[in-house]
Amino acid sequence: MPRFESNGMRPWLAVMLPSLKLGFQHIAVPLLFDMRYILWRGLMYIPFAFFAGIVLHWRPRLLPYMVIVHVLMDMSFAALLLGAAY
């Protein structure tokens, strides 16, 4: 986001583009080849992604804490998948 803004992009657009990318990164977990489900998974993360983008634009120093929380959430998701696999 800071690089977008330093290149002259409007602040709202500099928040919106990475937020959309973050939201649509989550469409493949779990991967089901159903277009309605893929669309729903992509759209369900968009509100949180916008919230995270706005918070990080407002307070960039929170990024390390958000990364730690995301890693912990990923680890719990991996444990859930491992538990379902065995």
PDB file of N, CA and C in Angstrom:
ATOM      1  N   MET A   1       0.808  -1.193   0.000  1.00  0.00           N
ATOM      2  CA  MET A   1       0.000   0.000   0.000  1.00  0.00           C
ATOM      3  C   MET A   1       0.853   1.259   0.000  1.00  0.00           C
ATOM      4  N   PRO A   2       1.909   1.321   0.804  1.00  0.00           N
ATOM      5  CA  PRO A   2       2.723   2.543   0.767  1.00  0.00           C
ATOM      6  C   PRO A   2       3.364   2.776  -0.603  1.00  0.00           C
ATOM      7  N   ARG A   3       3.752   1.710  -1.258  1.00  0.00           N
ATOM      8  CA  ARG A   3       4.370   1.874  -2.571  1.00  0.00           C
ATOM      9  C   ARG A   3       3.350   2.364  -3.597  1.00  0.00           C
ATOM     10  N   PHE A   4       2.130   1.857  -3.512  1.00  0.00           N
ATOM     11  CA  PHE A   4       1.081   2.358  -4.402  1.00  0.00           C
ATOM     12  C   PHE A   4       0.869   3.854  -4.193  1.00  0.00           C
ATOM     13  N   GLU A   5       0.795   4.253  -2.927  1.00  0.00           N
ATOM     14  CA  GLU A   5       0.574   5.671  -2.633  1.00  0.00           C
ATOM     15  C   GLU A   5       1.762   6.527  -3.055  1.00  0.00           C
ATOM     16  N   SER A   6       2.974   6.011  -2.889  1.00  0.00           N
ATOM     17  CA  SER A   6       4.141   6.802  -3.282  1.00  0.00           C
ATOM     18  C   SER A   6       4.228   6.966  -4.801  1.00  0.00           C
ATOM     19  N   ASN A   7       3.584   6.068  -5.550  1.00  0.00           N
ATOM     20  CA  ASN A   7       3.537   6.197  -7.002  1.00  0.00           C
ATOM     21  C   ASN A   7       2.370   7.056  -7.477  1.00  0.00           C
ATOM     22  N   GLY A   8       1.674   7.698  -6.556  1.00  0.00           N
ATOM     23  CA  GLY A   8       0.630   8.641  -6.916  1.00  0.00           C
ATOM     24  C   GLY A   8      -0.782   8.087  -6.925  1.00  0.00           C
ATOM     25  N   MET A   9      -0.974   6.857  -6.470  1.00  0.00           N
ATOM     26  CA  MET A   9      -2.313   6.279  -6.436  1.00  0.00           C
ATOM     27  C   MET A   9      -3.102   6.879  -5.272  1.00  0.00           C
ATOM     28  N   ARG A  10      -4.372   7.050  -5.483  1.00  0.00           N
ATOM     29  CA  ARG A  10      -5.231   7.579  -4.413  1.00  0.00           C
ATOM     30  C   ARG A  10      -5.241   6.605  -3.225  1.00  0.00           C
ATOM     31  N   PRO A  11      -5.336   7.129  -1.990  1.00  0.00           N
ATOM     32  CA  PRO A  11      -5.275   6.248  -0.811  1.00  0.00           C
ATOM     33  C   PRO A  11      -6.355   5.174  -0.791  1.00  0.00           C
ATOM     34  N   TRP A  12      -7.575   5.502  -1.194  1.00  0.00           N
ATOM     35  CA  TRP A  12      -8.640   4.501  -1.151  1.00  0.00           C
ATOM     36  C   TRP A  12      -8.377   3.374  -2.153  1.00  0.00           C
ATOM     37  N   LEU A  13      -7.775   3.704  -3.288  1.00  0.00           N
ATOM     38  CA  LEU A  13      -7.449   2.684  -4.271  1.00  0.00           C
ATOM     39  C   LEU A  13      -6.237   1.860  -3.819  1.00  0.00           C
ATOM     40  N   ALA A  14      -5.305   2.511  -3.129  1.00  0.00           N
ATOM     41  CA  ALA A  14      -4.136   1.808  -2.598  1.00  0.00           C
ATOM     42  C   ALA A  14      -4.534   0.825  -1.497  1.00  0.00           C
ATOM     43  N   VAL A  15      -5.656   1.045  -0.835  1.00  0.00           N
ATOM     44  CA  VAL A  15      -6.168   0.100   0.160  1.00  0.00           C
ATOM     45  C   VAL A  15      -7.019  -0.967  -0.525  1.00  0.00           C
ATOM     46  N   MET A  16      -7.794  -0.579  -1.514  1.00  0.00           N
ATOM     47  CA  MET A  16      -8.746  -1.489  -2.142  1.00  0.00           C
ATOM     48  C   MET A  16      -8.066  -2.611  -2.931  1.00  0.00           C
ATOM     49  N   LEU A  17      -7.047  -2.310  -3.711  1.00  0.00           N
ATOM     50  CA  LEU A  17      -6.423  -3.336  -4.552  1.00  0.00           C
ATOM     51  C   LEU A  17      -5.779  -4.466  -3.741  1.00  0.00           C
ATOM     52  N   PRO A  18      -4.935  -4.169  -2.747  1.00  0.00           N
ATOM     53  CA  PRO A  18      -4.387  -5.283  -1.941  1.00  0.00           C
ATOM     54  C   PRO A  18      -5.459  -6.018  -1.139  1.00  0.00           C
ATOM     55  N   SER A  19      -6.503  -5.304  -0.715  1.00  0.00           N
ATOM     56  CA  SER A  19      -7.580  -5.958   0.032  1.00  0.00           C
ATOM     57  C   SER A  19      -8.322  -6.955  -0.841  1.00  0.00           C
ATOM     58  N   LEU A  20      -8.600  -6.592  -2.083  1.00  0.00           N
ATOM     59  CA  LEU A  20      -9.256  -7.526  -2.996  1.00  0.00           C
ATOM     60  C   LEU A  20      -8.370  -8.745  -3.262  1.00  0.00           C
ATOM     61  N   LYS A  21      -7.088  -8.505  -3.432  1.00  0.00           N
ATOM     62  CA  LYS A  21      -6.161  -9.616  -3.658  1.00  0.00           C
ATOM     63  C   LYS A  21      -6.121 -10.536  -2.439  1.00  0.00           C
ATOM     64  N   LEU A  22      -6.079  -9.967  -1.259  1.00  0.00           N
ATOM     65  CA  LEU A  22      -6.081 -10.770  -0.039  1.00  0.00           C
ATOM     66  C   LEU A  22      -7.360 -11.585   0.074  1.00  0.00           C
ATOM     67  N   GLY A  23      -8.484 -10.971  -0.242  1.00  0.00           N
ATOM     68  CA  GLY A  23      -9.758 -11.687  -0.159  1.00  0.00           C
ATOM     69  C   GLY A  23      -9.836 -12.846  -1.130  1.00  0.00           C
ATOM     70  N   PHE A  24      -9.378 -12.644  -2.348  1.00  0.00           N
ATOM     71  CA  PHE A  24      -9.479 -13.690  -3.358  1.00  0.00           C
ATOM     72  C   PHE A  24      -8.376 -14.736  -3.256  1.00  0.00           C
ATOM     73  N   GLN A  25      -7.387 -14.529  -2.397  1.00  0.00           N
ATOM     74  CA  GLN A  25      -6.375 -15.564  -2.176  1.00  0.00           C
ATOM     75  C   GLN A  25      -6.965 -16.761  -1.433  1.00  0.00           C
ATOM     76  N   HIS A  26      -8.083 -16.574  -0.770  1.00  0.00           N
ATOM     77  CA  HIS A  26      -8.643 -17.625   0.068  1.00  0.00           C
ATOM     78  C   HIS A  26      -9.697 -18.471  -0.647  1.00  0.00           C
ATOM     79  N   ILE A  27      -9.804 -18.375  -1.966  1.00  0.00           N
ATOM     80  CA  ILE A  27     -10.855 -19.120  -2.658  1.00  0.00           C
ATOM     81  C   ILE A  27     -10.533 -20.595  -2.797  1.00  0.00           C
ATOM     82  N   ALA A  28      -9.296 -20.988  -2.634  1.00  0.00           N
ATOM     83  CA  ALA A  28      -8.913 -22.369  -2.925  1.00  0.00           C
ATOM     84  C   ALA A  28      -8.790 -23.252  -1.691  1.00  0.00           C
ATOM     85  N   VAL A  29      -9.201 -22.793  -0.536  1.00  0.00           N
ATOM     86  CA  VAL A  29      -9.106 -23.633   0.658  1.00  0.00           C
ATOM     87  C   VAL A  29     -10.482 -23.752   1.274  1.00  0.00           C
ATOM     88  N   PRO A  30     -11.110 -24.873   1.260  1.00  0.00           N
ATOM     89  CA  PRO A  30     -10.762 -26.091   0.553  1.00  0.00           C
ATOM     90  C   PRO A  30     -11.122 -25.965  -0.921  1.00  0.00           C
ATOM     91  N   LEU A  31     -10.405 -26.650  -1.756  1.00  0.00           N
ATOM     92  CA  LEU A  31     -10.624 -26.567  -3.191  1.00  0.00           C
ATOM     93  C   LEU A  31     -11.762 -27.491  -3.603  1.00  0.00           C
ATOM     94  N   LEU A  32     -12.857 -26.881  -3.949  1.00  0.00           N
ATOM     95  CA  LEU A  32     -14.000 -27.602  -4.500  1.00  0.00           C
ATOM     96  C   LEU A  32     -14.321 -26.954  -5.841  1.00  0.00           C
ATOM     97  N   PHE A  33     -14.506 -27.768  -6.850  1.00  0.00           N
ATOM     98  CA  PHE A  33     -14.726 -27.224  -8.184  1.00  0.00           C
ATOM     99  C   PHE A  33     -16.208 -26.905  -8.406  1.00  0.00           C
ATOM    100  N   ASP A  34     -16.719 -26.014  -7.602  1.00  0.00           N
ATOM    101  CA  ASP A  34     -18.087 -25.521  -7.708  1.00  0.00           C
ATOM    102  C   ASP A  34     -17.995 -24.001  -7.770  1.00  0.00           C
ATOM    103  N   MET A  35     -18.399 -23.418  -8.884  1.00  0.00           N
ATOM    104  CA  MET A  35     -18.221 -21.972  -9.083  1.00  0.00           C
ATOM    105  C   MET A  35     -18.948 -21.141  -8.031  1.00  0.00           C
ATOM    106  N   ARG A  36     -20.134 -21.573  -7.626  1.00  0.00           N
ATOM    107  CA  ARG A  36     -20.856 -20.810  -6.599  1.00  0.00           C
ATOM    108  C   ARG A  36     -20.080 -20.816  -5.287  1.00  0.00           C
ATOM    109  N   TYR A  37     -19.502 -21.960  -4.931  1.00  0.00           N
ATOM    110  CA  TYR A  37     -18.729 -22.056  -3.695  1.00  0.00           C
ATOM    111  C   TYR A  37     -17.446 -21.232  -3.787  1.00  0.00           C
ATOM    112  N   ILE A  38     -16.761 -21.295  -4.921  1.00  0.00           N
ATOM    113  CA  ILE A  38     -15.535 -20.515  -5.107  1.00  0.00           C
ATOM    114  C   ILE A  38     -15.834 -19.025  -5.013  1.00  0.00           C
ATOM    115  N   LEU A  39     -16.916 -18.571  -5.639  1.00  0.00           N
ATOM    116  CA  LEU A  39     -17.307 -17.165  -5.565  1.00  0.00           C
ATOM    117  C   LEU A  39     -17.649 -16.773  -4.135  1.00  0.00           C
ATOM    118  N   TRP A  40     -18.374 -17.630  -3.437  1.00  0.00           N
ATOM    119  CA  TRP A  40     -18.736 -17.338  -2.050  1.00  0.00           C
ATOM    120  C   TRP A  40     -17.491 -17.242  -1.174  1.00  0.00           C
ATOM    121  N   ARG A  41     -16.527 -18.166  -1.368  1.00  0.00           N
ATOM    122  CA  ARG A  41     -15.295 -18.126  -0.579  1.00  0.00           C
ATOM    123  C   ARG A  41     -14.512 -16.851  -0.853  1.00  0.00           C
ATOM    124  N   GLY A  42     -14.487 -16.431  -2.103  1.00  0.00           N
ATOM    125  CA  GLY A  42     -13.791 -15.190  -2.435  1.00  0.00           C
ATOM    126  C   GLY A  42     -14.456 -13.978  -1.818  1.00  0.00           C
ATOM    127  N   LEU A  43     -15.770 -13.939  -1.857  1.00  0.00           N
ATOM    128  CA  LEU A  43     -16.493 -12.770  -1.351  1.00  0.00           C
ATOM    129  C   LEU A  43     -16.611 -12.746   0.167  1.00  0.00           C
ATOM    130  N   MET A  44     -16.529 -13.907   0.793  1.00  0.00           N
ATOM    131  CA  MET A  44     -16.710 -13.917   2.242  1.00  0.00           C
ATOM    132  C   MET A  44     -15.522 -13.289   2.979  1.00  0.00           C
ATOM    133  N   TYR A  45     -14.346 -13.279   2.376  1.00  0.00           N
ATOM    134  CA  TYR A  45     -13.177 -12.680   3.011  1.00  0.00           C
ATOM    135  C   TYR A  45     -13.017 -11.196   2.696  1.00  0.00           C
ATOM    136  N   ILE A  46     -13.749 -10.696   1.729  1.00  0.00           N
ATOM    137  CA  ILE A  46     -13.580  -9.305   1.304  1.00  0.00           C
ATOM    138  C   ILE A  46     -13.826  -8.315   2.451  1.00  0.00           C
ATOM    139  N   PRO A  47     -14.899  -8.432   3.247  1.00  0.00           N
ATOM    140  CA  PRO A  47     -15.086  -7.443   4.332  1.00  0.00           C
ATOM    141  C   PRO A  47     -13.918  -7.427   5.322  1.00  0.00           C
ATOM    142  N   PHE A  48     -13.431  -8.611   5.717  1.00  0.00           N
ATOM    143  CA  PHE A  48     -12.301  -8.627   6.638  1.00  0.00           C
ATOM    144  C   PHE A  48     -11.045  -8.072   5.980  1.00  0.00           C
ATOM    145  N   ALA A  49     -10.858  -8.367   4.704  1.00  0.00           N
ATOM    146  CA  ALA A  49      -9.677  -7.870   3.998  1.00  0.00           C
ATOM    147  C   ALA A  49      -9.701  -6.342   3.935  1.00  0.00           C
ATOM    148  N   PHE A  50     -10.873  -5.756   3.685  1.00  0.00           N
ATOM    149  CA  PHE A  50     -10.975  -4.301   3.691  1.00  0.00           C
ATOM    150  C   PHE A  50     -10.713  -3.741   5.082  1.00  0.00           C
ATOM    151  N   PHE A  51     -11.246  -4.402   6.098  1.00  0.00           N
ATOM    152  CA  PHE A  51     -11.005  -3.970   7.472  1.00  0.00           C
ATOM    153  C   PHE A  51      -9.509  -4.010   7.786  1.00  0.00           C
ATOM    154  N   ALA A  52      -8.853  -5.116   7.427  1.00  0.00           N
ATOM    155  CA  ALA A  52      -7.410  -5.245   7.682  1.00  0.00           C
ATOM    156  C   ALA A  52      -6.630  -4.184   6.910  1.00  0.00           C
ATOM    157  N   GLY A  53      -7.021  -3.930   5.670  1.00  0.00           N
ATOM    158  CA  GLY A  53      -6.341  -2.911   4.874  1.00  0.00           C
ATOM    159  C   GLY A  53      -6.481  -1.524   5.460  1.00  0.00           C
ATOM    160  N   ILE A  54      -7.672  -1.208   5.938  1.00  0.00           N
ATOM    161  CA  ILE A  54      -7.906   0.110   6.545  1.00  0.00           C
ATOM    162  C   ILE A  54      -7.115   0.244   7.837  1.00  0.00           C
ATOM    163  N   VAL A  55      -7.115  -0.820   8.649  1.00  0.00           N
ATOM    164  CA  VAL A  55      -6.365  -0.787   9.912  1.00  0.00           C
ATOM    165  C   VAL A  55      -4.869  -0.622   9.631  1.00  0.00           C
ATOM    166  N   LEU A  56      -4.346  -1.354   8.656  1.00  0.00           N
ATOM    167  CA  LEU A  56      -2.922  -1.248   8.345  1.00  0.00           C
ATOM    168  C   LEU A  56      -2.572   0.094   7.707  1.00  0.00           C
ATOM    169  N   HIS A  57      -3.503   0.676   6.992  1.00  0.00           N
ATOM    170  CA  HIS A  57      -3.258   2.014   6.442  1.00  0.00           C
ATOM    171  C   HIS A  57      -3.226   3.042   7.567  1.00  0.00           C
ATOM    172  N   TRP A  58      -4.085   2.835   8.554  1.00  0.00           N
ATOM    173  CA  TRP A  58      -4.185   3.755   9.688  1.00  0.00           C
ATOM    174  C   TRP A  58      -3.016   3.579  10.643  1.00  0.00           C
ATOM    175  N   ARG A  59      -2.662   2.307  10.953  1.00  0.00           N
ATOM    176  CA  ARG A  59      -1.568   1.993  11.882  1.00  0.00           C
ATOM    177  C   ARG A  59      -0.665   0.918  11.283  1.00  0.00           C
ATOM    178  N   PRO A  60       0.302   1.297  10.454  1.00  0.00           N
ATOM    179  CA  PRO A  60       1.174   0.296   9.827  1.00  0.00           C
ATOM    180  C   PRO A  60       1.990  -0.528  10.820  1.00  0.00           C
ATOM    181  N   ARG A  61       2.189  -0.004  12.030  1.00  0.00           N
ATOM    182  CA  ARG A  61       2.984  -0.740  13.025  1.00  0.00           C
ATOM    183  C   ARG A  61       2.294  -2.005  13.508  1.00  0.00           C
ATOM    184  N   LEU A  62       1.014  -2.181  13.198  1.00  0.00           N
ATOM    185  CA  LEU A  62       0.302  -3.388  13.618  1.00  0.00           C
ATOM    186  C   LEU A  62       0.576  -4.589  12.719  1.00  0.00           C
ATOM    187  N   LEU A  63       1.278  -4.404  11.610  1.00  0.00           N
ATOM    188  CA  LEU A  63       1.519  -5.495  10.672  1.00  0.00           C
ATOM    189  C   LEU A  63       2.192  -6.705  11.315  1.00  0.00           C
ATOM    190  N   PRO A  64       3.254  -6.560  12.117  1.00  0.00           N
ATOM    191  CA  PRO A  64       3.862  -7.769  12.713  1.00  0.00           C
ATOM    192  C   PRO A  64       2.886  -8.549  13.593  1.00  0.00           C
ATOM    193  N   TYR A  65       2.036  -7.865  14.321  1.00  0.00           N
ATOM    194  CA  TYR A  65       1.071  -8.547  15.182  1.00  0.00           C
ATOM    195  C   TYR A  65       0.023  -9.278  14.355  1.00  0.00           C
ATOM    196  N   MET A  66      -0.411  -8.653  13.262  1.00  0.00           N
ATOM    197  CA  MET A  66      -1.384  -9.310  12.388  1.00  0.00           C
ATOM    198  C   MET A  66      -0.763 -10.521  11.694  1.00  0.00           C
ATOM    199  N   VAL A  67       0.512 -10.452  11.374  1.00  0.00           N
ATOM    200  CA  VAL A  67       1.193 -11.590  10.757  1.00  0.00           C
ATOM    201  C   VAL A  67       1.273 -12.749  11.749  1.00  0.00           C
ATOM    202  N   ILE A  68       1.595 -12.458  12.996  1.00  0.00           N
ATOM    203  CA  ILE A  68       1.674 -13.507  14.022  1.00  0.00           C
ATOM    204  C   ILE A  68       0.321 -14.176  14.209  1.00  0.00           C
ATOM    205  N   VAL A  69      -0.740 -13.385  14.281  1.00  0.00           N
ATOM    206  CA  VAL A  69      -2.082 -13.949  14.442  1.00  0.00           C
ATOM    207  C   VAL A  69      -2.439 -14.798  13.224  1.00  0.00           C
ATOM    208  N   HIS A  70      -2.078 -14.343  12.030  1.00  0.00           N
ATOM    209  CA  HIS A  70      -2.387 -15.106  10.822  1.00  0.00           C
ATOM    210  C   HIS A  70      -1.630 -16.434  10.808  1.00  0.00           C
ATOM    211  N   VAL A  71      -0.377 -16.438  11.232  1.00  0.00           N
ATOM    212  CA  VAL A  71       0.395 -17.688  11.295  1.00  0.00           C
ATOM    213  C   VAL A  71      -0.243 -18.651  12.294  1.00  0.00           C
ATOM    214  N   LEU A  72      -0.686 -18.150  13.428  1.00  0.00           N
ATOM    215  CA  LEU A  72      -1.349 -19.014  14.409  1.00  0.00           C
ATOM    216  C   LEU A  72      -2.648 -19.583  13.852  1.00  0.00           C
ATOM    217  N   MET A  73      -3.393 -18.766  13.115  1.00  0.00           N
ATOM    218  CA  MET A  73      -4.631 -19.255  12.495  1.00  0.00           C
ATOM    219  C   MET A  73      -4.315 -20.305  11.436  1.00  0.00           C
ATOM    220  N   ASP A  74      -3.250 -20.093  10.668  1.00  0.00           N
ATOM    221  CA  ASP A  74      -2.865 -21.076   9.656  1.00  0.00           C
ATOM    222  C   ASP A  74      -2.450 -22.393  10.298  1.00  0.00           C
ATOM    223  N   MET A  75      -1.749 -22.312  11.416  1.00  0.00           N
ATOM    224  CA  MET A  75      -1.326 -23.529  12.109  1.00  0.00           C
ATOM    225  C   MET A  75      -2.536 -24.297  12.643  1.00  0.00           C
ATOM    226  N   SER A  76      -3.530 -23.577  13.158  1.00  0.00           N
ATOM    227  CA  SER A  76      -4.722 -24.273  13.650  1.00  0.00           C
ATOM    228  C   SER A  76      -5.490 -24.903  12.490  1.00  0.00           C
ATOM    229  N   PHE A  77      -5.512 -24.246  11.339  1.00  0.00           N
ATOM    230  CA  PHE A  77      -6.167 -24.814  10.160  1.00  0.00           C
ATOM    231  C   PHE A  77      -5.432 -26.058   9.683  1.00  0.00           C
ATOM    232  N   ALA A  78      -4.106 -26.022   9.712  1.00  0.00           N
ATOM    233  CA  ALA A  78      -3.315 -27.192   9.316  1.00  0.00           C
ATOM    234  C   ALA A  78      -3.558 -28.349  10.276  1.00  0.00           C
ATOM    235  N   ALA A  79      -3.665 -28.048  11.550  1.00  0.00           N
ATOM    236  CA  ALA A  79      -3.957 -29.108  12.538  1.00  0.00           C
ATOM    237  C   ALA A  79      -5.335 -29.684  12.294  1.00  0.00           C
ATOM    238  N   LEU A  80      -6.289 -28.858  11.913  1.00  0.00           N
ATOM    239  CA  LEU A  80      -7.633 -29.330  11.616  1.00  0.00           C
ATOM    240  C   LEU A  80      -7.611 -30.267  10.411  1.00  0.00           C
ATOM    241  N   LEU A  81      -6.876 -29.876   9.364  1.00  0.00           N
ATOM    242  CA  LEU A  81      -6.795 -30.738   8.173  1.00  0.00           C
ATOM    243  C   LEU A  81      -6.072 -32.046   8.484  1.00  0.00           C
ATOM    244  N   LEU A  82      -5.019 -31.989   9.283  1.00  0.00           N
ATOM    245  CA  LEU A  82      -4.314 -33.214   9.651  1.00  0.00           C
ATOM    246  C   LEU A  82      -5.197 -34.131  10.489  1.00  0.00           C
ATOM    247  N   GLY A  83      -5.977 -33.525  11.370  1.00  0.00           N
ATOM    248  CA  GLY A  83      -6.893 -34.316  12.177  1.00  0.00           C
ATOM    249  C   GLY A  83      -7.977 -34.976  11.338  1.00  0.00           C
ATOM    250  N   ALA A  84      -8.423 -34.310  10.291  1.00  0.00           N
ATOM    251  CA  ALA A  84      -9.438 -34.893   9.426  1.00  0.00           C
ATOM    252  C   ALA A  84      -8.842 -35.957   8.520  1.00  0.00           C
ATOM    253  N   ALA A  85      -7.543 -35.862   8.231  1.00  0.00           N
ATOM    254  CA  ALA A  85      -6.918 -36.811   7.322  1.00  0.00           C
ATOM    255  C   ALA A  85      -6.625 -38.156   7.988  1.00  0.00           C
ATOM    256  N   TYR A  86      -6.453 -38.141   9.302  1.00  0.00           N
ATOM    257  CA  TYR A  86      -6.103 -39.398   9.981  1.00  0.00           C
ATOM    258  C   TYR A  86      -7.191 -39.911  10.858  1.00  0.00           C
TER     259      TYR A  86
END
